[in-house]
C-alpha atoms as a PDB file:
ATOM      1  CA  MET A   1      -0.233   0.093   0.163  1.00  0.00           C
ATOM      2  CA  ALA A   2       1.164   3.406  -0.518  1.00  0.00           C
ATOM      3  CA  ASP A   3       1.649   5.898   1.726  1.00  0.00           C
ATOM      4  CA  PRO A   4      -0.983   8.111   2.361  1.00  0.00           C
ATOM      5  CA  TRP A   5       0.931  11.330   1.970  1.00  0.00           C
ATOM      6  CA  LEU A   6       0.980  10.564  -1.247  1.00  0.00           C
ATOM      7  CA  VAL A   7      -2.701   9.487  -1.897  1.00  0.00           C
ATOM      8  CA  LEU A   8      -3.895  12.014   0.279  1.00  0.00           C
ATOM      9  CA  PRO A   9      -3.336  15.385  -1.493  1.00  0.00           C
ATOM     10  CA  LEU A  10      -4.032  13.593  -4.833  1.00  0.00           C
ATOM     11  CA  ALA A  11      -7.623  12.672  -3.392  1.00  0.00           C
ATOM     12  CA  VAL A  12      -8.069  16.209  -2.739  1.00  0.00           C
ATOM     13  CA  LEU A  13      -6.954  17.606  -6.277  1.00  0.00           C
ATOM     14  CA  ILE A  14      -9.981  14.940  -7.020  1.00  0.00           C
ATOM     15  CA  GLY A  15     -12.405  16.424  -5.120  1.00  0.00           C
ATOM     16  CA  VAL A  16     -11.267  20.345  -6.143  1.00  0.00           C
ATOM     17  CA  VAL A  17     -12.386  19.144 -10.197  1.00  0.00           C
ATOM     18  CA  LEU A  18     -15.281  17.695  -8.957  1.00  0.00           C
ATOM     19  CA  GLY A  19     -16.762  20.743  -6.963  1.00  0.00           C
ATOM     20  CA  ALA A  20     -15.323  23.077  -9.429  1.00  0.00           C
ATOM     21  CA  LEU A  21     -16.403  21.764 -12.772  1.00  0.00           C
ATOM     22  CA  GLY A  22     -18.868  18.890 -11.605  1.00  0.00           C
ATOM     23  CA  SER A  23     -17.225  16.066 -14.087  1.00  0.00           C
ATOM     24  CA  GLY A  24     -14.000  15.104 -15.013  1.00  0.00           C
ATOM     25  CA  GLY A  25     -12.123  14.720 -11.367  1.00  0.00           C
ATOM     26  CA  ALA A  26     -13.880  10.888 -10.735  1.00  0.00           C
ATOM     27  CA  ILE A  27     -12.168   9.529 -13.498  1.00  0.00           C
ATOM     28  CA  LEU A  28      -9.034  10.265 -11.914  1.00  0.00           C
ATOM     29  CA  ALA A  29      -9.971   8.203  -9.191  1.00  0.00           C
ATOM     30  CA  LEU A  30      -9.265   4.871 -10.420  1.00  0.00           C
ATOM     31  CA  PRO A  31      -6.021   5.667 -11.714  1.00  0.00           C
ATOM     32  CA  VAL A  32      -4.936   6.550  -8.351  1.00  0.00           C
ATOM     33  CA  LEU A  33      -5.981   4.022  -6.717  1.00  0.00           C
ATOM     34  CA  VAL A  34      -4.436   1.056  -8.984  1.00  0.00           C
ATOM     35  CA  TYR A  35      -1.005   3.206  -9.559  1.00  0.00           C
ATOM     36  CA  VAL A  36      -0.599   4.975  -6.193  1.00  0.00           C
ATOM     37  CA  ALA A  37      -2.570   2.932  -3.434  1.00  0.00           C
ATOM     38  CA  GLY A  38      -1.620  -0.087  -5.260  1.00  0.00           C
ATOM     39  CA  LEU A  39      -5.648  -1.558  -4.955  1.00  0.00           C
ATOM     40  CA  PRO A  40      -6.606  -4.531  -7.620  1.00  0.00           C
ATOM     41  CA  VAL A  41      -8.105  -3.010 -10.301  1.00  0.00           C
ATOM     42  CA  ARG A  42     -11.903  -4.336  -9.390  1.00  0.00           C
ATOM     43  CA  GLN A  43     -10.953  -3.692  -5.737  1.00  0.00           C
ATOM     44  CA  ALA A  44     -10.380  -0.068  -6.825  1.00  0.00           C
ATOM     45  CA  VAL A  45     -13.314   0.148  -9.042  1.00  0.00           C
ATOM     46  CA  ALA A  46     -15.755  -0.224  -6.007  1.00  0.00           C
ATOM     47  CA  VAL A  47     -13.818   1.976  -3.464  1.00  0.00           C
ATOM     48  CA  SER A  48     -13.945   4.699  -6.817  1.00  0.00           C
ATOM     49  CA  GLN A  49     -17.763   4.399  -7.217  1.00  0.00           C
ATOM     50  CA  LEU A  50     -17.551   4.493  -3.136  1.00  0.00           C
ATOM     51  CA  VAL A  51     -15.818   8.047  -2.589  1.00  0.00           C
ATOM     52  CA  VAL A  52     -17.339   9.711  -5.684  1.00  0.00           C
ATOM     53  CA  GLY A  53     -20.819   8.743  -4.942  1.00  0.00           C
ATOM     54  CA  LEU A  54     -20.531   9.668  -1.175  1.00  0.00           C
ATOM     55  CA  ALA A  55     -18.688  13.208  -2.477  1.00  0.00           C
ATOM     56  CA  SER A  56     -20.994  14.218  -4.987  1.00  0.00           C
ATOM     57  CA  LEU A  57     -23.983  13.798  -2.328  1.00  0.00           C
ATOM     58  CA  VAL A  58     -22.495  15.948   0.017  1.00  0.00           C
ATOM     59  CA  GLY A  59     -21.814  18.361  -3.669  1.00  0.00           C
ATOM     60  CA  THR A  60     -25.436  17.787  -4.167  1.00  0.00           C
ATOM     61  CA  LEU A  61     -26.691  19.285  -0.745  1.00  0.00           C
ATOM     62  CA  LEU A  62     -24.115  22.243  -0.916  1.00  0.00           C
ATOM     63  CA  GLN A  63     -25.830  22.713  -4.601  1.00  0.00           C
ATOM     64  CA  PHE A  64     -29.280  22.493  -3.094  1.00  0.00           C
ATOM     65  CA  ARG A  65     -29.935  25.771  -1.662  1.00  0.00           C
ATOM     66  CA  THR A  66     -28.536  27.034  -4.985  1.00  0.00           C
ATOM     67  CA  GLY A  67     -31.577  26.280  -6.883  1.00  0.00           C
ATOM     68  CA  ARG A  68     -29.913  25.358 -10.175  1.00  0.00           C
ATOM     69  CA  ILE A  69     -30.702  21.571 -10.011  1.00  0.00           C
ATOM     70  CA  ALA A  70     -32.705  20.181 -11.989  1.00  0.00           C
ATOM     71  CA  TRP A  71     -34.518  17.349 -10.628  1.00  0.00           C
ATOM     72  CA  ARG A  72     -36.905  16.100 -13.628  1.00  0.00           C
ATOM     73  CA  GLU A  73     -33.628  15.666 -15.607  1.00  0.00           C
ATOM     74  CA  VAL A  74     -31.811  13.874 -12.392  1.00  0.00           C
ATOM     75  CA  LEU A  75     -35.175  12.031 -12.049  1.00  0.00           C
ATOM     76  CA  LEU A  76     -34.657  10.567 -16.045  1.00  0.00           C
ATOM     77  CA  PHE A  77     -31.113   9.848 -15.691  1.00  0.00           C
ATOM     78  CA  ALA A  78     -31.122   8.028 -12.657  1.00  0.00           C
ATOM     79  CA  LEU A  79     -34.005   6.248 -13.618  1.00  0.00           C
ATOM     80  CA  VAL A  80     -32.251   4.419 -16.565  1.00  0.00           C
ATOM     81  CA  GLY A  81     -28.843   4.957 -15.016  1.00  0.00           C
ATOM     82  CA  ILE A  82     -29.165   2.526 -11.732  1.00  0.00           C
ATOM     83  CA  PRO A  83     -29.987  -0.805 -13.983  1.00  0.00           C
ATOM     84  CA  ALA A  84     -27.283   0.221 -16.093  1.00  0.00           C
ATOM     85  CA  THR A  85     -25.031   0.741 -13.433  1.00  0.00           C
ATOM     86  CA  ARG A  86     -25.647  -3.004 -12.772  1.00  0.00           C
ATOM     87  CA  VAL A  87     -25.025  -4.130 -15.777  1.00  0.00           C
ATOM     88  CA  GLY A  88     -21.753  -2.246 -15.745  1.00  0.00           C
ATOM     89  CA  THR A  89     -20.757  -3.935 -12.684  1.00  0.00           C
ATOM     90  CA  PHE A  90     -22.038  -7.416 -13.751  1.00  0.00           C
ATOM     91  CA  VAL A  91     -19.957  -7.012 -17.374  1.00  0.00           C
ATOM     92  CA  ALA A  92     -16.781  -5.317 -15.351  1.00  0.00           C
ATOM     93  CA  THR A  93     -16.353  -8.912 -13.535  1.00  0.00           C
ATOM     94  CA  ARG A  94     -16.155 -10.895 -16.391  1.00  0.00           C
ATOM     95  CA  VAL A  95     -13.436  -8.729 -18.311  1.00  0.00           C
ATOM     96  CA  GLU A  96      -9.959  -9.244 -17.443  1.00  0.00           C
ATOM     97  CA  ALA A  97      -8.173  -6.393 -15.624  1.00  0.00           C
ATOM     98  CA  GLN A  98      -5.826  -5.068 -18.333  1.00  0.00           C
ATOM     99  CA  LEU A  99      -8.345  -5.055 -20.838  1.00  0.00           C
ATOM    100  CA  LEU A 100     -10.570  -3.240 -18.359  1.00  0.00           C
ATOM    101  CA  MET A 101      -7.618  -0.688 -17.796  1.00  0.00           C
ATOM    102  CA  ILE A 102      -7.131   0.055 -21.296  1.00  0.00           C
ATOM    103  CA  GLY A 103     -10.211   0.552 -22.017  1.00  0.00           C
ATOM    104  CA  PHE A 104     -10.635   3.189 -19.111  1.00  0.00           C
ATOM    105  CA  ALA A 105      -7.651   4.540 -20.809  1.00  0.00           C
ATOM    106  CA  GLY A 106      -9.543   5.024 -23.852  1.00  0.00           C
ATOM    107  CA  VAL A 107     -12.217   6.874 -22.393  1.00  0.00           C
ATOM    108  CA  MET A 108      -9.969   9.023 -20.448  1.00  0.00           C
ATOM    109  CA  ILE A 109      -7.950  10.428 -23.583  1.00  0.00           C
ATOM    110  CA  ALA A 110     -11.541  10.831 -25.110  1.00  0.00           C
ATOM    111  CA  ALA A 111     -12.631  12.719 -22.468  1.00  0.00           C
ATOM    112  CA  GLY A 112      -9.759  14.460 -22.271  1.00  0.00           C
ATOM    113  CA  SER A 113      -9.699  15.377 -26.077  1.00  0.00           C
ATOM    114  CA  ARG A 114     -13.073  16.282 -25.692  1.00  0.00           C
ATOM    115  CA  MET A 115     -12.423  19.290 -23.027  1.00  0.00           C
ATOM    116  CA  LEU A 116      -9.129  20.468 -25.061  1.00  0.00           C
ATOM    117  CA  LEU A 117     -11.260  20.669 -28.433  1.00  0.00           C
ATOM    118  CA  THR A 118     -14.587  22.932 -26.308  1.00  0.00           C
ATOM    119  CA  THR A 119     -13.482  26.045 -26.676  1.00  0.00           C
ATOM    120  CA  SER A 120     -16.659  27.953 -26.011  1.00  0.00           C
ATOM    121  CA  LYS A 121     -18.870  27.683 -23.275  1.00  0.00           C
ATOM    122  CA  ALA A 122     -22.166  25.474 -24.387  1.00  0.00           C
ATOM    123  CA  GLU A 123     -25.722  27.828 -23.824  1.00  0.00           C
ATOM    124  CA  GLY A 124     -28.526  26.087 -22.785  1.00  0.00           C
ATOM    125  CA  GLY A 125     -32.603  26.638 -24.213  1.00  0.00           C
ATOM    126  CA  GLN A 126     -32.784  23.423 -26.530  1.00  0.00           C
ATOM    127  CA  ARG A 127     -35.725  21.729 -26.550  1.00  0.00           C
ATOM    128  CA  SER A 128     -35.526  18.867 -24.173  1.00  0.00           C
ATOM    129  CA  ARG A 129     -34.940  15.404 -26.426  1.00  0.00           C
ATOM    130  CA  ILE A 130     -35.939  13.258 -24.016  1.00  0.00           C
ATOM    131  CA  TRP A 131     -35.108   9.536 -25.691  1.00  0.00           C
ATOM    132  CA  ILE A 132     -31.373  11.039 -26.516  1.00  0.00           C
ATOM    133  CA  SER A 133     -31.284  12.172 -22.853  1.00  0.00           C
ATOM    134  CA  LEU A 134     -32.324   8.183 -22.080  1.00  0.00           C
ATOM    135  CA  MET A 135     -29.274   6.742 -24.198  1.00  0.00           C
ATOM    136  CA  ALA A 136     -27.019   9.251 -22.689  1.00  0.00           C
ATOM    137  CA  GLY A 137     -28.322   7.857 -19.015  1.00  0.00           C
ATOM    138  CA  LEU A 138     -28.084   4.500 -19.920  1.00  0.00           C
ATOM    139  CA  LEU A 139     -24.272   4.796 -21.601  1.00  0.00           C
ATOM    140  CA  VAL A 140     -23.416   6.997 -18.272  1.00  0.00           C
ATOM    141  CA  GLY A 141     -24.687   4.525 -16.537  1.00  0.00           C
ATOM    142  CA  PHE A 142     -23.007   1.330 -17.880  1.00  0.00           C
ATOM    143  CA  LEU A 143     -19.703   3.628 -17.580  1.00  0.00           C
ATOM    144  CA  THR A 144     -20.228   4.277 -13.475  1.00  0.00           C
ATOM    145  CA  GLY A 145     -20.419   0.182 -13.001  1.00  0.00           C
ATOM    146  CA  PHE A 146     -17.782  -0.892 -15.874  1.00  0.00           C
ATOM    147  CA  LEU A 147     -15.290   1.656 -14.840  1.00  0.00           C
ATOM    148  CA  GLY A 148     -16.412   3.483 -11.712  1.00  0.00           C
ATOM    149  CA  VAL A 149     -16.183   6.592 -13.091  1.00  0.00           C
ATOM    150  CA  GLY A 150     -19.170   9.076 -12.359  1.00  0.00           C
ATOM    151  CA  GLY A 151     -19.784  10.177 -15.800  1.00  0.00           C
ATOM    152  CA  GLY A 152     -19.832  13.945 -15.596  1.00  0.00           C
ATOM    153  CA  PHE A 153     -17.519  14.595 -18.353  1.00  0.00           C
ATOM    154  CA  LEU A 154     -20.658  12.946 -20.445  1.00  0.00           C
ATOM    155  CA  LEU A 155     -23.308  14.212 -18.143  1.00  0.00           C
ATOM    156  CA  VAL A 156     -22.456  17.715 -18.417  1.00  0.00           C
ATOM    157  CA  PRO A 157     -22.540  18.201 -22.028  1.00  0.00           C
ATOM    158  CA  ALA A 158     -25.710  15.876 -22.428  1.00  0.00           C
ATOM    159  CA  LEU A 159     -27.487  18.146 -20.031  1.00  0.00           C
ATOM    160  CA  ILE A 160     -26.657  21.338 -22.006  1.00  0.00           C
ATOM    161  CA  ALA A 161     -27.595  19.803 -25.533  1.00  0.00           C
ATOM    162  CA  LEU A 162     -30.081  17.723 -24.847  1.00  0.00           C
ATOM    163  CA  ALA A 163     -31.928  18.873 -21.618  1.00  0.00           C
ATOM    164  CA  GLY A 164     -31.774  22.388 -22.571  1.00  0.00           C
ATOM    165  CA  LEU A 165     -29.507  23.595 -19.249  1.00  0.00           C
ATOM    166  CA  ASP A 166     -27.026  25.777 -19.180  1.00  0.00           C
ATOM    167  CA  ALA A 167     -23.424  25.378 -17.620  1.00  0.00           C
ATOM    168  CA  LYS A 168     -23.930  25.983 -14.063  1.00  0.00           C
ATOM    169  CA  GLN A 169     -27.229  24.032 -14.179  1.00  0.00           C
ATOM    170  CA  ALA A 170     -25.764  21.317 -15.631  1.00  0.00           C
ATOM    171  CA  THR A 171     -22.998  21.311 -13.550  1.00  0.00           C
ATOM    172  CA  ALA A 172     -25.167  21.159 -10.488  1.00  0.00           C
ATOM    173  CA  THR A 173     -27.457  18.811 -11.615  1.00  0.00           C
ATOM    174  CA  SER A 174     -24.553  16.463 -12.985  1.00  0.00           C
ATOM    175  CA  LEU A 175     -23.922  15.756  -9.282  1.00  0.00           C
ATOM    176  CA  PRO A 176     -27.245  14.101  -7.693  1.00  0.00           C
ATOM    177  CA  VAL A 177     -27.041  11.681 -11.139  1.00  0.00           C
ATOM    178  CA  ILE A 178     -23.271  10.915 -10.398  1.00  0.00           C
ATOM    179  CA  ALA A 179     -24.079  10.346  -6.765  1.00  0.00           C
ATOM    180  CA  VAL A 180     -27.390   7.957  -7.270  1.00  0.00           C
ATOM    181  CA  ASN A 181     -25.331   5.917 -10.042  1.00  0.00           C
ATOM    182  CA  THR A 182     -21.747   5.516  -8.286  1.00  0.00           C
ATOM    183  CA  LEU A 183     -22.841   4.375  -5.200  1.00  0.00           C
ATOM    184  CA  SER A 184     -25.854   1.818  -6.680  1.00  0.00           C
ATOM    185  CA  GLY A 185     -22.633   0.285  -7.954  1.00  0.00           C
ATOM    186  CA  ALA A 186     -20.738   0.811  -4.692  1.00  0.00           C
ATOM    187  CA  MET A 187     -23.492  -1.528  -2.846  1.00  0.00           C
ATOM    188  CA  GLN A 188     -23.450  -3.977  -5.613  1.00  0.00           C
ATOM    189  CA  GLN A 189     -19.741  -4.392  -4.514  1.00  0.00           C
ATOM    190  CA  SER A 190     -20.012  -3.607  -0.836  1.00  0.00           C
ATOM    191  CA  GLU A 191     -17.646  -6.745  -0.044  1.00  0.00           C
ATOM    192  CA  GLN A 192     -14.349  -5.412  -2.182  1.00  0.00           C
ATOM    193  CA  TRP A 193     -14.407  -1.938  -0.776  1.00  0.00           C
ATOM    194  CA  LEU A 194     -14.996  -2.879   2.975  1.00  0.00           C
ATOM    195  CA  GLY A 195     -11.567  -4.915   2.745  1.00  0.00           C
ATOM    196  CA  VAL A 196      -9.551  -1.535   2.490  1.00  0.00           C
ATOM    197  CA  ALA A 197     -12.507   0.810   4.444  1.00  0.00           C
ATOM    198  CA  GLY A 198      -9.992   2.766   6.255  1.00  0.00           C
ATOM    199  CA  LEU A 199      -7.833   3.627   3.283  1.00  0.00           C
ATOM    200  CA  ALA A 200     -11.933   4.522   1.519  1.00  0.00           C
ATOM    201  CA  PHE A 201     -12.843   6.726   4.041  1.00  0.00           C
ATOM    202  CA  SER A 202      -9.670   8.235   4.641  1.00  0.00           C
ATOM    203  CA  PHE A 203      -9.534   9.115   0.821  1.00  0.00           C
ATOM    204  CA  LEU A 204     -13.285  10.498   1.216  1.00  0.00           C
ATOM    205  CA  GLY A 205     -12.127  12.662   3.319  1.00  0.00           C
ATOM    206  CA  ALA A 206      -9.482  14.008   1.422  1.00  0.00           C
ATOM    207  CA  THR A 207     -11.903  14.464  -1.495  1.00  0.00           C
ATOM    208  CA  LEU A 208     -14.293  16.418   0.434  1.00  0.00           C
ATOM    209  CA  VAL A 209     -12.389  19.194   1.246  1.00  0.00           C
ATOM    210  CA  GLY A 210     -11.417  19.211  -2.025  1.00  0.00           C
ATOM    211  CA  THR A 211     -15.112  19.050  -2.924  1.00  0.00           C
ATOM    212  CA  PHE A 212     -15.343  22.427  -0.525  1.00  0.00           C
ATOM    213  CA  VAL A 213     -12.498  23.681  -2.460  1.00  0.00           C
ATOM    214  CA  GLY A 214     -13.412  23.200  -5.905  1.00  0.00           C
ATOM    215  CA  LEU A 215     -17.082  24.766  -5.249  1.00  0.00           C
ATOM    216  CA  ARG A 216     -15.588  27.721  -4.396  1.00  0.00           C
ATOM    217  CA  TRP A 217     -12.817  28.201  -6.540  1.00  0.00           C
ATOM    218  CA  GLY A 218     -15.217  27.147  -9.874  1.00  0.00           C
ATOM    219  CA  SER A 219     -17.071  30.301  -8.840  1.00  0.00           C
ATOM    220  CA  LEU A 220     -13.822  32.372  -9.198  1.00  0.00           C
ATOM    221  CA  ALA A 221     -12.138  30.805 -11.800  1.00  0.00           C
ATOM    222  CA  SER A 222     -12.567  30.293 -15.307  1.00  0.00           C
ATOM    223  CA  GLU A 223     -13.731  27.910 -16.309  1.00  0.00           C
ATOM    224  CA  ALA A 224     -12.670  27.196 -20.106  1.00  0.00           C
ATOM    225  CA  LYS A 225      -8.828  27.425 -18.551  1.00  0.00           C
ATOM    226  CA  LEU A 226      -9.809  24.488 -15.654  1.00  0.00           C
ATOM    227  CA  ARG A 227     -11.378  22.434 -18.520  1.00  0.00           C
ATOM    228  CA  GLN A 228      -8.342  22.757 -20.388  1.00  0.00           C
ATOM    229  CA  ALA A 229      -5.980  21.704 -17.923  1.00  0.00           C
ATOM    230  CA  LEU A 230      -8.058  18.827 -17.101  1.00  0.00           C
ATOM    231  CA  GLY A 231      -8.418  18.071 -20.587  1.00  0.00           C
ATOM    232  CA  MET A 232      -4.212  17.955 -20.893  1.00  0.00           C
ATOM    233  CA  ILE A 233      -3.989  15.731 -17.552  1.00  0.00           C
ATOM    234  CA  LEU A 234      -6.689  13.118 -18.842  1.00  0.00           C
ATOM    235  CA  VAL A 235      -4.931  12.712 -22.309  1.00  0.00           C
ATOM    236  CA  ALA A 236      -1.364  12.162 -20.450  1.00  0.00           C
ATOM    237  CA  VAL A 237      -2.718   9.762 -17.967  1.00  0.00           C
ATOM    238  CA  GLY A 238      -4.903   7.903 -20.427  1.00  0.00           C
ATOM    239  CA  ILE A 239      -2.056   7.779 -23.038  1.00  0.00           C
ATOM    240  CA  VAL A 240       0.130   6.294 -19.694  1.00  0.00           C
ATOM    241  CA  VAL A 241      -2.292   4.238 -18.459  1.00  0.00           C
ATOM    242  CA  GLY A 242      -2.708   2.613 -21.870  1.00  0.00           C
ATOM    243  CA  VAL A 243       0.626   1.694 -22.829  1.00  0.00           C
ATOM    244  CA  LEU A 244       1.233   0.232 -19.649  1.00  0.00           C
ATOM    245  CA  ASN A 245      -1.561  -1.959 -19.608  1.00  0.00           C
ATOM    246  CA  ALA A 246      -1.238  -3.050 -23.491  1.00  0.00           C
ATOM    247  CA  LEU A 247       3.050  -3.917 -22.942  1.00  0.00           C
ATOM    248  CA  ARG A 248       1.369  -6.277 -20.157  1.00  0.00           C
ATOM    249  CA  PHE A 249      -0.465  -8.694 -23.115  1.00  0.00           C
END
């Protein structure tokens, strides 16, 4: 097990990103838990789901008073996301660990590239397209169960483009959806994270500290610059994770 003095600062960073952007931070949890904390892949996925879920739940409570959460969309995405998360978790248990990490690396590179290519903030106001929203919810839920990610990097743009929300509403609305999906997956794999409960809750505590900072920072810093910085990190980490696991085949 790695030195907590190395793991916990990275958990704070994940919380900062989650609080500031409502997306992207959770995807960093899995490589930190695997390559820094030294957990097996499937155990790391379960811990990631627990930590991201509880951190997002706290973020939801903090965003509730702002009135920005679109509860209709939360219900819509959760309705399809919970069963899709369970399917993703089931599939993940039948996939070889190295292949799982290569798939995860692909998701990181795709998410990072999208952030780098998005040069302007999308505006809401478009008409809701319910069936496309349901398909997006299914995909986010599956990825949550399969890779332990929150799916915010897909949720936020989907809520803007498909549900007609503005960027701040989409960020706030993504948090309860992430919480519902990831906690559903964590409960399905409770035997995995219970074995390292001390690490899991220490990681959670550090992530929550970062979430509080991120919520404050996100209202002050440039969202475009934050997304570009995170995009570069995701692409770089995704390439490294993909190469490391491809060489093991």
